[in-house]
Amino acid sequence: MLKQMQRDAILLSLMNEMRAKGSWCGETHIQKSVYFLQELLEVPMNLEFILYKHGPYSFDLADAVTAMRADSLLEYKSRRPYGPSLLPTKTGQDFLNRYPKTRGKYAERMQFVAEKIGKMGVAELERQATALYVTLNEKCAGNSRAILITELKPHIKMDQAEKALESVDAMIKEAAEKGLGSGL
């Protein structure tokens, strides 16, 4: 399990990776990318996620982001028309330089997440993260996973659920092949 400062360094590094891959880096992007990092790629962030309004959500992560803002490591930058992005401050960038080993240890995993979901919009992030959540937490297989997603999230259509599951299954397989996760 990571210490708080190490976790903060990973969060800041992940945000940098996400932005480099075209992410908006809003709160939803952070929530979902950290979910993938912790649950798919087994980075020991020690954050509890629940299935919430727009997919997996961690109140612990929301608190960590608030604390990082209070410590001047992160700031909001308004970006019209979609809302604010979270960006590391100069202090946050300086903070990152103190954790090269932690960042290096998880760099490939952060790059994987950023590459796979960095450019996704909020609706697609919700579908992907919910598909991963159902895959990891529910005792069902095949088409029953897609049915469950549409039951949990009635606004997600069956074809969207199936597409999200195909994508998540491919990510799971690729992560395992690259030695970045267990392959569940």
N, C-alpha and C. Protein backbone atom coordinates (compact mmCIF):
# COMPACT_ATOMS: atom_id res chain seq x y z
N MET A 1 0.84 -1.18 0.00
CA MET A 1 0.00 0.00 0.00
C MET A 1 0.89 1.25 0.00
N LEU A 2 0.47 2.22 -0.78
CA LEU A 2 1.24 3.45 -0.91
C LEU A 2 0.97 4.39 0.26
N LYS A 3 1.98 5.17 0.61
CA LYS A 3 1.80 6.23 1.59
C LYS A 3 1.11 7.40 0.89
N GLN A 4 0.52 8.29 1.67
CA GLN A 4 -0.24 9.40 1.11
C GLN A 4 0.58 10.23 0.11
N MET A 5 1.81 10.55 0.46
CA MET A 5 2.64 11.38 -0.43
C MET A 5 2.96 10.65 -1.73
N GLN A 6 3.18 9.35 -1.65
CA GLN A 6 3.42 8.56 -2.86
C GLN A 6 2.16 8.54 -3.73
N ARG A 7 1.02 8.36 -3.09
CA ARG A 7 -0.26 8.36 -3.81
C ARG A 7 -0.47 9.71 -4.49
N ASP A 8 -0.18 10.79 -3.78
CA ASP A 8 -0.31 12.13 -4.38
C ASP A 8 0.60 12.28 -5.59
N ALA A 9 1.80 11.75 -5.51
CA ALA A 9 2.74 11.83 -6.64
C ALA A 9 2.19 11.05 -7.83
N ILE A 10 1.59 9.90 -7.58
CA ILE A 10 1.01 9.12 -8.66
C ILE A 10 -0.18 9.87 -9.27
N LEU A 11 -1.01 10.46 -8.43
CA LEU A 11 -2.16 11.23 -8.94
C LEU A 11 -1.70 12.38 -9.84
N LEU A 12 -0.71 13.12 -9.38
CA LEU A 12 -0.19 14.22 -10.19
C LEU A 12 0.43 13.72 -11.49
N SER A 13 1.18 12.65 -11.42
CA SER A 13 1.80 12.07 -12.62
C SER A 13 0.74 11.57 -13.59
N LEU A 14 -0.28 10.92 -13.06
CA LEU A 14 -1.37 10.42 -13.90
C LEU A 14 -2.06 11.58 -14.61
N MET A 15 -2.30 12.67 -13.90
CA MET A 15 -2.93 13.83 -14.52
C MET A 15 -2.07 14.38 -15.66
N ASN A 16 -0.76 14.41 -15.45
CA ASN A 16 0.15 14.85 -16.51
C ASN A 16 0.08 13.92 -17.73
N GLU A 17 0.05 12.61 -17.47
CA GLU A 17 -0.05 11.63 -18.56
C GLU A 17 -1.38 11.77 -19.29
N MET A 18 -2.45 11.94 -18.53
CA MET A 18 -3.77 12.07 -19.15
C MET A 18 -3.82 13.30 -20.06
N ARG A 19 -3.33 14.42 -19.56
CA ARG A 19 -3.33 15.65 -20.38
C ARG A 19 -2.48 15.47 -21.63
N ALA A 20 -1.34 14.78 -21.49
CA ALA A 20 -0.46 14.55 -22.63
C ALA A 20 -1.15 13.72 -23.72
N LYS A 21 -2.12 12.92 -23.32
CA LYS A 21 -2.87 12.08 -24.27
C LYS A 21 -4.19 12.71 -24.69
N GLY A 22 -4.39 13.98 -24.34
CA GLY A 22 -5.56 14.70 -24.82
C GLY A 22 -6.74 14.71 -23.87
N SER A 23 -6.55 14.32 -22.63
CA SER A 23 -7.65 14.30 -21.67
C SER A 23 -8.01 15.71 -21.20
N TRP A 24 -9.27 15.87 -20.94
CA TRP A 24 -9.79 17.10 -20.35
C TRP A 24 -9.30 17.25 -18.92
N CYS A 25 -9.12 16.13 -18.23
CA CYS A 25 -8.67 16.08 -16.84
C CYS A 25 -9.63 16.77 -15.88
N GLY A 26 -10.90 16.59 -16.14
CA GLY A 26 -11.91 17.02 -15.18
C GLY A 26 -12.03 15.98 -14.08
N GLU A 27 -12.90 16.24 -13.13
CA GLU A 27 -13.05 15.31 -12.00
C GLU A 27 -13.47 13.92 -12.44
N THR A 28 -14.36 13.83 -13.41
CA THR A 28 -14.80 12.50 -13.88
C THR A 28 -13.62 11.75 -14.50
N HIS A 29 -12.81 12.44 -15.27
CA HIS A 29 -11.64 11.80 -15.88
C HIS A 29 -10.69 11.28 -14.80
N ILE A 30 -10.49 12.06 -13.77
CA ILE A 30 -9.60 11.63 -12.69
C ILE A 30 -10.18 10.42 -11.97
N GLN A 31 -11.46 10.50 -11.62
CA GLN A 31 -12.10 9.39 -10.92
C GLN A 31 -11.97 8.09 -11.72
N LYS A 32 -12.30 8.13 -13.00
CA LYS A 32 -12.30 6.91 -13.80
C LYS A 32 -10.89 6.42 -14.09
N SER A 33 -9.96 7.33 -14.35
CA SER A 33 -8.59 6.88 -14.64
C SER A 33 -7.96 6.25 -13.40
N VAL A 34 -8.22 6.80 -12.24
CA VAL A 34 -7.69 6.21 -11.00
C VAL A 34 -8.35 4.86 -10.74
N TYR A 35 -9.63 4.74 -11.05
CA TYR A 35 -10.31 3.45 -10.90
C TYR A 35 -9.62 2.38 -11.76
N PHE A 36 -9.35 2.70 -13.01
CA PHE A 36 -8.66 1.75 -13.89
C PHE A 36 -7.26 1.45 -13.37
N LEU A 37 -6.56 2.47 -12.92
CA LEU A 37 -5.20 2.30 -12.42
C LEU A 37 -5.18 1.35 -11.22
N GLN A 38 -6.10 1.56 -10.29
CA GLN A 38 -6.12 0.74 -9.08
C GLN A 38 -6.70 -0.65 -9.33
N GLU A 39 -7.83 -0.72 -10.00
CA GLU A 39 -8.55 -1.99 -10.10
C GLU A 39 -8.07 -2.89 -11.24
N LEU A 40 -7.75 -2.30 -12.38
CA LEU A 40 -7.29 -3.11 -13.51
C LEU A 40 -5.79 -3.37 -13.43
N LEU A 41 -5.02 -2.33 -13.08
CA LEU A 41 -3.57 -2.43 -13.13
C LEU A 41 -2.92 -2.62 -11.76
N GLU A 42 -3.74 -2.76 -10.74
CA GLU A 42 -3.30 -3.17 -9.41
C GLU A 42 -2.29 -2.23 -8.75
N VAL A 43 -2.44 -0.92 -9.00
CA VAL A 43 -1.62 0.05 -8.29
C VAL A 43 -2.27 0.27 -6.93
N PRO A 44 -1.55 0.02 -5.84
CA PRO A 44 -2.17 -0.01 -4.50
C PRO A 44 -2.48 1.39 -3.95
N MET A 45 -3.48 2.03 -4.54
CA MET A 45 -3.86 3.39 -4.14
C MET A 45 -4.65 3.41 -2.83
N ASN A 46 -5.22 2.27 -2.45
CA ASN A 46 -6.00 2.14 -1.21
C ASN A 46 -7.19 3.10 -1.17
N LEU A 47 -7.92 3.14 -2.28
CA LEU A 47 -9.11 3.97 -2.37
C LEU A 47 -10.32 3.06 -2.54
N GLU A 48 -11.38 3.36 -1.83
CA GLU A 48 -12.61 2.58 -1.94
C GLU A 48 -13.50 3.22 -3.00
N PHE A 49 -13.96 2.39 -3.94
CA PHE A 49 -14.87 2.85 -4.99
C PHE A 49 -16.22 2.16 -4.82
N ILE A 50 -17.28 2.92 -5.09
CA ILE A 50 -18.63 2.37 -5.11
C ILE A 50 -19.24 2.71 -6.46
N LEU A 51 -20.26 1.95 -6.86
CA LEU A 51 -20.98 2.29 -8.07
C LEU A 51 -21.92 3.42 -7.73
N TYR A 52 -21.76 4.53 -8.42
CA TYR A 52 -22.48 5.76 -8.08
C TYR A 52 -23.19 6.28 -9.32
N LYS A 53 -23.61 7.50 -9.29
CA LYS A 53 -24.43 8.08 -10.35
C LYS A 53 -23.83 7.90 -11.75
N HIS A 54 -22.56 8.18 -11.92
CA HIS A 54 -21.91 8.09 -13.23
C HIS A 54 -20.82 7.02 -13.26
N GLY A 55 -21.07 5.90 -12.60
CA GLY A 55 -20.10 4.81 -12.60
C GLY A 55 -19.32 4.78 -11.30
N PRO A 56 -18.23 4.02 -11.26
CA PRO A 56 -17.44 3.92 -10.04
C PRO A 56 -16.96 5.30 -9.57
N TYR A 57 -17.06 5.49 -8.27
CA TYR A 57 -16.70 6.78 -7.68
C TYR A 57 -16.08 6.52 -6.32
N SER A 58 -15.07 7.32 -5.98
CA SER A 58 -14.41 7.21 -4.69
C SER A 58 -14.51 8.53 -3.94
N PHE A 59 -15.20 8.48 -2.81
CA PHE A 59 -15.24 9.65 -1.95
C PHE A 59 -13.86 9.89 -1.35
N ASP A 60 -13.11 8.81 -1.13
CA ASP A 60 -11.73 8.93 -0.64
C ASP A 60 -10.89 9.73 -1.63
N LEU A 61 -11.04 9.45 -2.91
CA LEU A 61 -10.29 10.17 -3.94
C LEU A 61 -10.73 11.63 -3.99
N ALA A 62 -12.02 11.88 -3.88
CA ALA A 62 -12.50 13.26 -3.86
C ALA A 62 -11.88 14.03 -2.69
N ASP A 63 -11.79 13.37 -1.54
CA ASP A 63 -11.15 14.00 -0.38
C ASP A 63 -9.66 14.23 -0.62
N ALA A 64 -9.01 13.28 -1.26
CA ALA A 64 -7.57 13.42 -1.56
C ALA A 64 -7.33 14.60 -2.50
N VAL A 65 -8.18 14.74 -3.50
CA VAL A 65 -8.06 15.87 -4.44
C VAL A 65 -8.26 17.19 -3.70
N THR A 66 -9.25 17.24 -2.82
CA THR A 66 -9.49 18.45 -2.02
C THR A 66 -8.27 18.77 -1.17
N ALA A 67 -7.69 17.77 -0.54
CA ALA A 67 -6.49 17.98 0.29
C ALA A 67 -5.32 18.46 -0.56
N MET A 68 -5.18 17.91 -1.75
CA MET A 68 -4.10 18.33 -2.64
C MET A 68 -4.29 19.79 -3.09
N ARG A 69 -5.53 20.18 -3.28
CA ARG A 69 -5.80 21.59 -3.61
C ARG A 69 -5.46 22.47 -2.40
N ALA A 70 -5.82 22.02 -1.21
CA ALA A 70 -5.50 22.80 0.00
C ALA A 70 -4.00 22.92 0.20
N ASP A 71 -3.26 21.91 -0.22
CA ASP A 71 -1.80 21.93 -0.11
C ASP A 71 -1.13 22.62 -1.30
N SER A 72 -1.93 23.23 -2.15
CA SER A 72 -1.45 23.95 -3.34
C SER A 72 -0.71 23.06 -4.33
N LEU A 73 -1.06 21.78 -4.37
CA LEU A 73 -0.47 20.86 -5.35
C LEU A 73 -1.29 20.82 -6.63
N LEU A 74 -2.58 21.13 -6.52
CA LEU A 74 -3.51 21.09 -7.64
C LEU A 74 -4.31 22.37 -7.67
N GLU A 75 -4.79 22.70 -8.88
CA GLU A 75 -5.69 23.83 -9.01
C GLU A 75 -6.70 23.53 -10.11
N TYR A 76 -7.83 24.21 -10.02
CA TYR A 76 -8.82 24.14 -11.09
C TYR A 76 -8.51 25.21 -12.11
N LYS A 77 -8.67 24.86 -13.38
CA LYS A 77 -8.56 25.84 -14.45
C LYS A 77 -9.85 25.76 -15.25
N SER A 78 -10.55 26.87 -15.32
CA SER A 78 -11.82 26.91 -16.03
C SER A 78 -11.58 26.73 -17.52
N ARG A 79 -12.38 25.84 -18.11
CA ARG A 79 -12.29 25.59 -19.55
C ARG A 79 -13.69 25.50 -20.10
N ARG A 80 -14.05 26.51 -20.84
CA ARG A 80 -15.40 26.52 -21.42
C ARG A 80 -15.43 25.60 -22.62
N PRO A 81 -16.51 25.00 -22.95
CA PRO A 81 -17.81 25.10 -22.29
C PRO A 81 -18.06 23.97 -21.30
N TYR A 82 -17.06 23.13 -21.03
CA TYR A 82 -17.30 21.90 -20.28
C TYR A 82 -17.09 21.98 -18.78
N GLY A 83 -16.40 22.96 -18.30
CA GLY A 83 -16.13 23.03 -16.87
C GLY A 83 -14.65 22.92 -16.59
N PRO A 84 -14.30 22.89 -15.30
CA PRO A 84 -12.90 22.98 -14.92
C PRO A 84 -12.09 21.70 -15.13
N SER A 85 -10.82 21.91 -15.38
CA SER A 85 -9.84 20.83 -15.41
C SER A 85 -9.01 20.93 -14.13
N LEU A 86 -8.47 19.81 -13.71
CA LEU A 86 -7.55 19.78 -12.57
C LEU A 86 -6.13 19.74 -13.11
N LEU A 87 -5.31 20.67 -12.64
CA LEU A 87 -3.94 20.77 -13.11
C LEU A 87 -2.97 20.85 -11.95
N PRO A 88 -1.84 20.17 -12.05
CA PRO A 88 -0.80 20.37 -11.04
C PRO A 88 -0.30 21.81 -11.07
N THR A 89 -0.07 22.37 -9.91
CA THR A 89 0.49 23.71 -9.80
C THR A 89 2.01 23.63 -9.94
N LYS A 90 2.68 24.75 -9.92
CA LYS A 90 4.15 24.76 -9.91
C LYS A 90 4.65 24.00 -8.68
N THR A 91 4.00 24.23 -7.54
CA THR A 91 4.34 23.50 -6.31
C THR A 91 4.14 22.00 -6.52
N GLY A 92 3.05 21.64 -7.21
CA GLY A 92 2.77 20.23 -7.50
C GLY A 92 3.83 19.61 -8.39
N GLN A 93 4.27 20.35 -9.39
CA GLN A 93 5.32 19.84 -10.27
C GLN A 93 6.63 19.67 -9.51
N ASP A 94 6.94 20.62 -8.63
CA ASP A 94 8.14 20.50 -7.79
C ASP A 94 8.03 19.29 -6.87
N PHE A 95 6.84 19.06 -6.33
CA PHE A 95 6.57 17.92 -5.45
C PHE A 95 6.87 16.61 -6.19
N LEU A 96 6.47 16.53 -7.45
CA LEU A 96 6.70 15.32 -8.25
C LEU A 96 8.17 14.94 -8.33
N ASN A 97 9.02 15.93 -8.37
CA ASN A 97 10.46 15.67 -8.50
C ASN A 97 11.03 14.95 -7.28
N ARG A 98 10.31 14.95 -6.18
CA ARG A 98 10.78 14.26 -4.97
C ARG A 98 10.44 12.78 -4.95
N TYR A 99 9.70 12.30 -5.95
CA TYR A 99 9.26 10.90 -5.95
C TYR A 99 9.57 10.18 -7.27
N PRO A 100 10.82 10.22 -7.70
CA PRO A 100 11.15 9.59 -8.99
C PRO A 100 10.99 8.07 -8.96
N LYS A 101 11.29 7.43 -7.84
CA LYS A 101 11.17 5.96 -7.77
C LYS A 101 9.71 5.53 -7.87
N THR A 102 8.84 6.19 -7.12
CA THR A 102 7.41 5.85 -7.13
C THR A 102 6.85 6.07 -8.53
N ARG A 103 7.16 7.21 -9.10
CA ARG A 103 6.66 7.53 -10.44
C ARG A 103 7.18 6.52 -11.46
N GLY A 104 8.46 6.19 -11.35
CA GLY A 104 9.06 5.24 -12.28
C GLY A 104 8.45 3.86 -12.16
N LYS A 105 8.18 3.45 -10.95
CA LYS A 105 7.63 2.11 -10.71
C LYS A 105 6.28 1.92 -11.40
N TYR A 106 5.48 2.98 -11.43
CA TYR A 106 4.12 2.87 -11.98
C TYR A 106 3.94 3.62 -13.31
N ALA A 107 5.03 4.10 -13.88
CA ALA A 107 4.95 4.91 -15.11
C ALA A 107 4.25 4.18 -16.26
N GLU A 108 4.61 2.94 -16.48
CA GLU A 108 4.02 2.20 -17.60
C GLU A 108 2.52 2.00 -17.40
N ARG A 109 2.11 1.78 -16.17
CA ARG A 109 0.68 1.62 -15.88
C ARG A 109 -0.08 2.93 -16.10
N MET A 110 0.51 4.04 -15.66
CA MET A 110 -0.13 5.34 -15.86
C MET A 110 -0.23 5.65 -17.35
N GLN A 111 0.80 5.33 -18.11
CA GLN A 111 0.78 5.57 -19.56
C GLN A 111 -0.29 4.71 -20.23
N PHE A 112 -0.44 3.48 -19.77
CA PHE A 112 -1.45 2.58 -20.32
C PHE A 112 -2.85 3.17 -20.12
N VAL A 113 -3.13 3.60 -18.91
CA VAL A 113 -4.45 4.18 -18.63
C VAL A 113 -4.68 5.43 -19.47
N ALA A 114 -3.70 6.31 -19.50
CA ALA A 114 -3.83 7.55 -20.26
C ALA A 114 -4.06 7.27 -21.74
N GLU A 115 -3.35 6.30 -22.27
CA GLU A 115 -3.49 5.96 -23.68
C GLU A 115 -4.86 5.36 -23.98
N LYS A 116 -5.35 4.52 -23.08
CA LYS A 116 -6.62 3.82 -23.34
C LYS A 116 -7.85 4.70 -23.10
N ILE A 117 -7.82 5.56 -22.08
CA ILE A 117 -9.05 6.30 -21.78
C ILE A 117 -8.88 7.82 -21.76
N GLY A 118 -7.68 8.31 -22.04
CA GLY A 118 -7.41 9.74 -21.95
C GLY A 118 -8.30 10.62 -22.80
N LYS A 119 -8.61 10.19 -24.00
CA LYS A 119 -9.39 11.02 -24.92
C LYS A 119 -10.89 10.79 -24.83
N MET A 120 -11.31 9.87 -23.99
CA MET A 120 -12.74 9.57 -23.89
C MET A 120 -13.51 10.73 -23.28
N GLY A 121 -14.74 10.88 -23.75
CA GLY A 121 -15.65 11.84 -23.14
C GLY A 121 -16.26 11.25 -21.88
N VAL A 122 -16.98 12.06 -21.15
CA VAL A 122 -17.54 11.65 -19.87
C VAL A 122 -18.50 10.47 -20.02
N ALA A 123 -19.37 10.48 -21.02
CA ALA A 123 -20.33 9.38 -21.19
C ALA A 123 -19.62 8.07 -21.48
N GLU A 124 -18.60 8.12 -22.34
CA GLU A 124 -17.86 6.90 -22.65
C GLU A 124 -17.07 6.41 -21.43
N LEU A 125 -16.50 7.34 -20.68
CA LEU A 125 -15.79 6.96 -19.45
C LEU A 125 -16.73 6.23 -18.49
N GLU A 126 -17.94 6.74 -18.36
CA GLU A 126 -18.92 6.09 -17.48
C GLU A 126 -19.20 4.67 -17.95
N ARG A 127 -19.41 4.48 -19.24
CA ARG A 127 -19.70 3.14 -19.76
C ARG A 127 -18.52 2.20 -19.55
N GLN A 128 -17.31 2.66 -19.85
CA GLN A 128 -16.11 1.82 -19.71
C GLN A 128 -15.88 1.43 -18.24
N ALA A 129 -15.95 2.43 -17.36
CA ALA A 129 -15.69 2.15 -15.94
C ALA A 129 -16.77 1.27 -15.34
N THR A 130 -18.02 1.47 -15.76
CA THR A 130 -19.11 0.61 -15.27
C THR A 130 -18.91 -0.81 -15.78
N ALA A 131 -18.46 -0.96 -17.03
CA ALA A 131 -18.19 -2.29 -17.57
C ALA A 131 -17.09 -2.99 -16.78
N LEU A 132 -16.04 -2.25 -16.42
CA LEU A 132 -14.98 -2.84 -15.60
C LEU A 132 -15.52 -3.19 -14.21
N TYR A 133 -16.32 -2.31 -13.64
CA TYR A 133 -16.89 -2.55 -12.32
C TYR A 133 -17.73 -3.84 -12.33
N VAL A 134 -18.60 -3.99 -13.31
CA VAL A 134 -19.46 -5.19 -13.38
C VAL A 134 -18.59 -6.43 -13.60
N THR A 135 -17.58 -6.32 -14.45
CA THR A 135 -16.69 -7.45 -14.71
C THR A 135 -15.97 -7.89 -13.43
N LEU A 136 -15.54 -6.94 -12.62
CA LEU A 136 -14.78 -7.26 -11.41
C LEU A 136 -15.65 -7.67 -10.22
N ASN A 137 -16.85 -7.11 -10.13
CA ASN A 137 -17.61 -7.23 -8.89
C ASN A 137 -18.88 -8.07 -8.95
N GLU A 138 -19.31 -8.41 -10.12
CA GLU A 138 -20.57 -9.16 -10.23
C GLU A 138 -20.29 -10.57 -10.72
N LYS A 139 -21.05 -11.50 -10.23
CA LYS A 139 -20.87 -12.90 -10.61
C LYS A 139 -21.75 -13.21 -11.82
N CYS A 140 -21.34 -12.70 -12.95
CA CYS A 140 -22.06 -12.98 -14.18
C CYS A 140 -21.06 -12.98 -15.33
N ALA A 141 -21.45 -13.57 -16.42
CA ALA A 141 -20.54 -13.67 -17.57
C ALA A 141 -21.33 -13.44 -18.85
N GLY A 142 -20.57 -13.31 -19.92
CA GLY A 142 -21.19 -13.19 -21.24
C GLY A 142 -22.16 -12.03 -21.34
N ASN A 143 -23.27 -12.28 -22.02
CA ASN A 143 -24.27 -11.25 -22.27
C ASN A 143 -24.96 -10.79 -20.99
N SER A 144 -24.92 -11.58 -19.94
CA SER A 144 -25.57 -11.17 -18.68
C SER A 144 -24.87 -9.95 -18.08
N ARG A 145 -23.59 -9.75 -18.39
CA ARG A 145 -22.91 -8.54 -17.92
C ARG A 145 -23.50 -7.30 -18.58
N ALA A 146 -23.75 -7.37 -19.88
CA ALA A 146 -24.34 -6.23 -20.60
C ALA A 146 -25.75 -5.95 -20.09
N ILE A 147 -26.49 -7.00 -19.84
CA ILE A 147 -27.86 -6.83 -19.30
C ILE A 147 -27.78 -6.14 -17.95
N LEU A 148 -26.86 -6.56 -17.10
CA LEU A 148 -26.72 -5.96 -15.78
C LEU A 148 -26.34 -4.48 -15.89
N ILE A 149 -25.45 -4.15 -16.80
CA ILE A 149 -25.07 -2.74 -16.99
C ILE A 149 -26.31 -1.91 -17.34
N THR A 150 -27.13 -2.41 -18.24
CA THR A 150 -28.33 -1.65 -18.64
C THR A 150 -29.35 -1.58 -17.51
N GLU A 151 -29.35 -2.55 -16.64
CA GLU A 151 -30.24 -2.50 -15.47
C GLU A 151 -29.73 -1.49 -14.44
N LEU A 152 -28.42 -1.49 -14.22
CA LEU A 152 -27.82 -0.55 -13.27
C LEU A 152 -27.85 0.89 -13.79
N LYS A 153 -27.69 1.03 -15.08
CA LYS A 153 -27.62 2.34 -15.74
C LYS A 153 -28.59 2.34 -16.92
N PRO A 154 -29.89 2.57 -16.66
CA PRO A 154 -30.89 2.47 -17.72
C PRO A 154 -30.64 3.39 -18.93
N HIS A 155 -29.88 4.46 -18.76
CA HIS A 155 -29.59 5.35 -19.88
C HIS A 155 -28.53 4.77 -20.83
N ILE A 156 -27.87 3.69 -20.42
CA ILE A 156 -26.90 3.02 -21.30
C ILE A 156 -27.65 1.96 -22.09
N LYS A 157 -27.56 2.06 -23.39
CA LYS A 157 -28.25 1.12 -24.29
C LYS A 157 -27.44 -0.18 -24.37
N MET A 158 -28.14 -1.26 -24.74
CA MET A 158 -27.52 -2.59 -24.79
C MET A 158 -26.29 -2.60 -25.71
N ASP A 159 -26.39 -2.00 -26.89
CA ASP A 159 -25.24 -2.02 -27.80
C ASP A 159 -24.06 -1.24 -27.22
N GLN A 160 -24.33 -0.18 -26.46
CA GLN A 160 -23.26 0.58 -25.81
C GLN A 160 -22.60 -0.25 -24.71
N ALA A 161 -23.43 -0.97 -23.96
CA ALA A 161 -22.90 -1.84 -22.89
C ALA A 161 -22.03 -2.94 -23.48
N GLU A 162 -22.49 -3.55 -24.57
CA GLU A 162 -21.72 -4.61 -25.21
C GLU A 162 -20.39 -4.08 -25.75
N LYS A 163 -20.42 -2.91 -26.37
CA LYS A 163 -19.20 -2.30 -26.90
C LYS A 163 -18.22 -1.97 -25.77
N ALA A 164 -18.73 -1.43 -24.67
CA ALA A 164 -17.87 -1.11 -23.51
C ALA A 164 -17.24 -2.39 -22.95
N LEU A 165 -18.01 -3.46 -22.87
CA LEU A 165 -17.47 -4.72 -22.36
C LEU A 165 -16.39 -5.28 -23.28
N GLU A 166 -16.60 -5.21 -24.59
CA GLU A 166 -15.58 -5.66 -25.54
C GLU A 166 -14.28 -4.88 -25.34
N SER A 167 -14.42 -3.56 -25.17
CA SER A 167 -13.25 -2.71 -24.97
C SER A 167 -12.54 -3.05 -23.67
N VAL A 168 -13.30 -3.20 -22.60
CA VAL A 168 -12.71 -3.52 -21.29
C VAL A 168 -12.06 -4.90 -21.31
N ASP A 169 -12.71 -5.87 -21.93
CA ASP A 169 -12.11 -7.20 -22.03
C ASP A 169 -10.78 -7.14 -22.79
N ALA A 170 -10.73 -6.33 -23.84
CA ALA A 170 -9.48 -6.18 -24.60
C ALA A 170 -8.41 -5.51 -23.74
N MET A 171 -8.80 -4.52 -22.94
CA MET A 171 -7.83 -3.86 -22.04
C MET A 171 -7.30 -4.84 -21.01
N ILE A 172 -8.18 -5.65 -20.45
CA ILE A 172 -7.77 -6.64 -19.45
C ILE A 172 -6.74 -7.60 -20.06
N LYS A 173 -7.05 -8.08 -21.26
CA LYS A 173 -6.15 -9.01 -21.95
C LYS A 173 -4.80 -8.35 -22.26
N GLU A 174 -4.85 -7.14 -22.78
CA GLU A 174 -3.61 -6.44 -23.13
C GLU A 174 -2.77 -6.14 -21.88
N ALA A 175 -3.42 -5.71 -20.81
CA ALA A 175 -2.69 -5.43 -19.56
C ALA A 175 -2.00 -6.69 -19.06
N ALA A 176 -2.69 -7.82 -19.12
CA ALA A 176 -2.10 -9.08 -18.67
C ALA A 176 -0.92 -9.49 -19.56
N GLU A 177 -1.09 -9.33 -20.87
CA GLU A 177 -0.01 -9.68 -21.81
C GLU A 177 1.24 -8.83 -21.59
N LYS A 178 1.03 -7.57 -21.18
CA LYS A 178 2.15 -6.66 -20.94
C LYS A 178 2.68 -6.78 -19.51
N GLY A 179 2.06 -7.65 -18.70
CA GLY A 179 2.50 -7.82 -17.33
C GLY A 179 2.12 -6.64 -16.42
N LEU A 180 1.07 -5.91 -16.80
CA LEU A 180 0.66 -4.74 -16.02
C LEU A 180 -0.48 -5.04 -15.06
N GLY A 181 -1.10 -6.17 -15.22
CA GLY A 181 -2.21 -6.57 -14.35
C GLY A 181 -2.33 -8.06 -14.37
N SER A 182 -3.19 -8.57 -13.54
CA SER A 182 -3.31 -10.02 -13.37
C SER A 182 -4.10 -10.68 -14.49
N GLY A 183 -4.82 -9.89 -15.27
CA GLY A 183 -5.71 -10.49 -16.26
C GLY A 183 -7.00 -10.93 -15.60
N LEU A 184 -7.13 -10.58 -14.34
CA LEU A 184 -8.30 -10.86 -13.53
C LEU A 184 -8.61 -12.32 -13.60
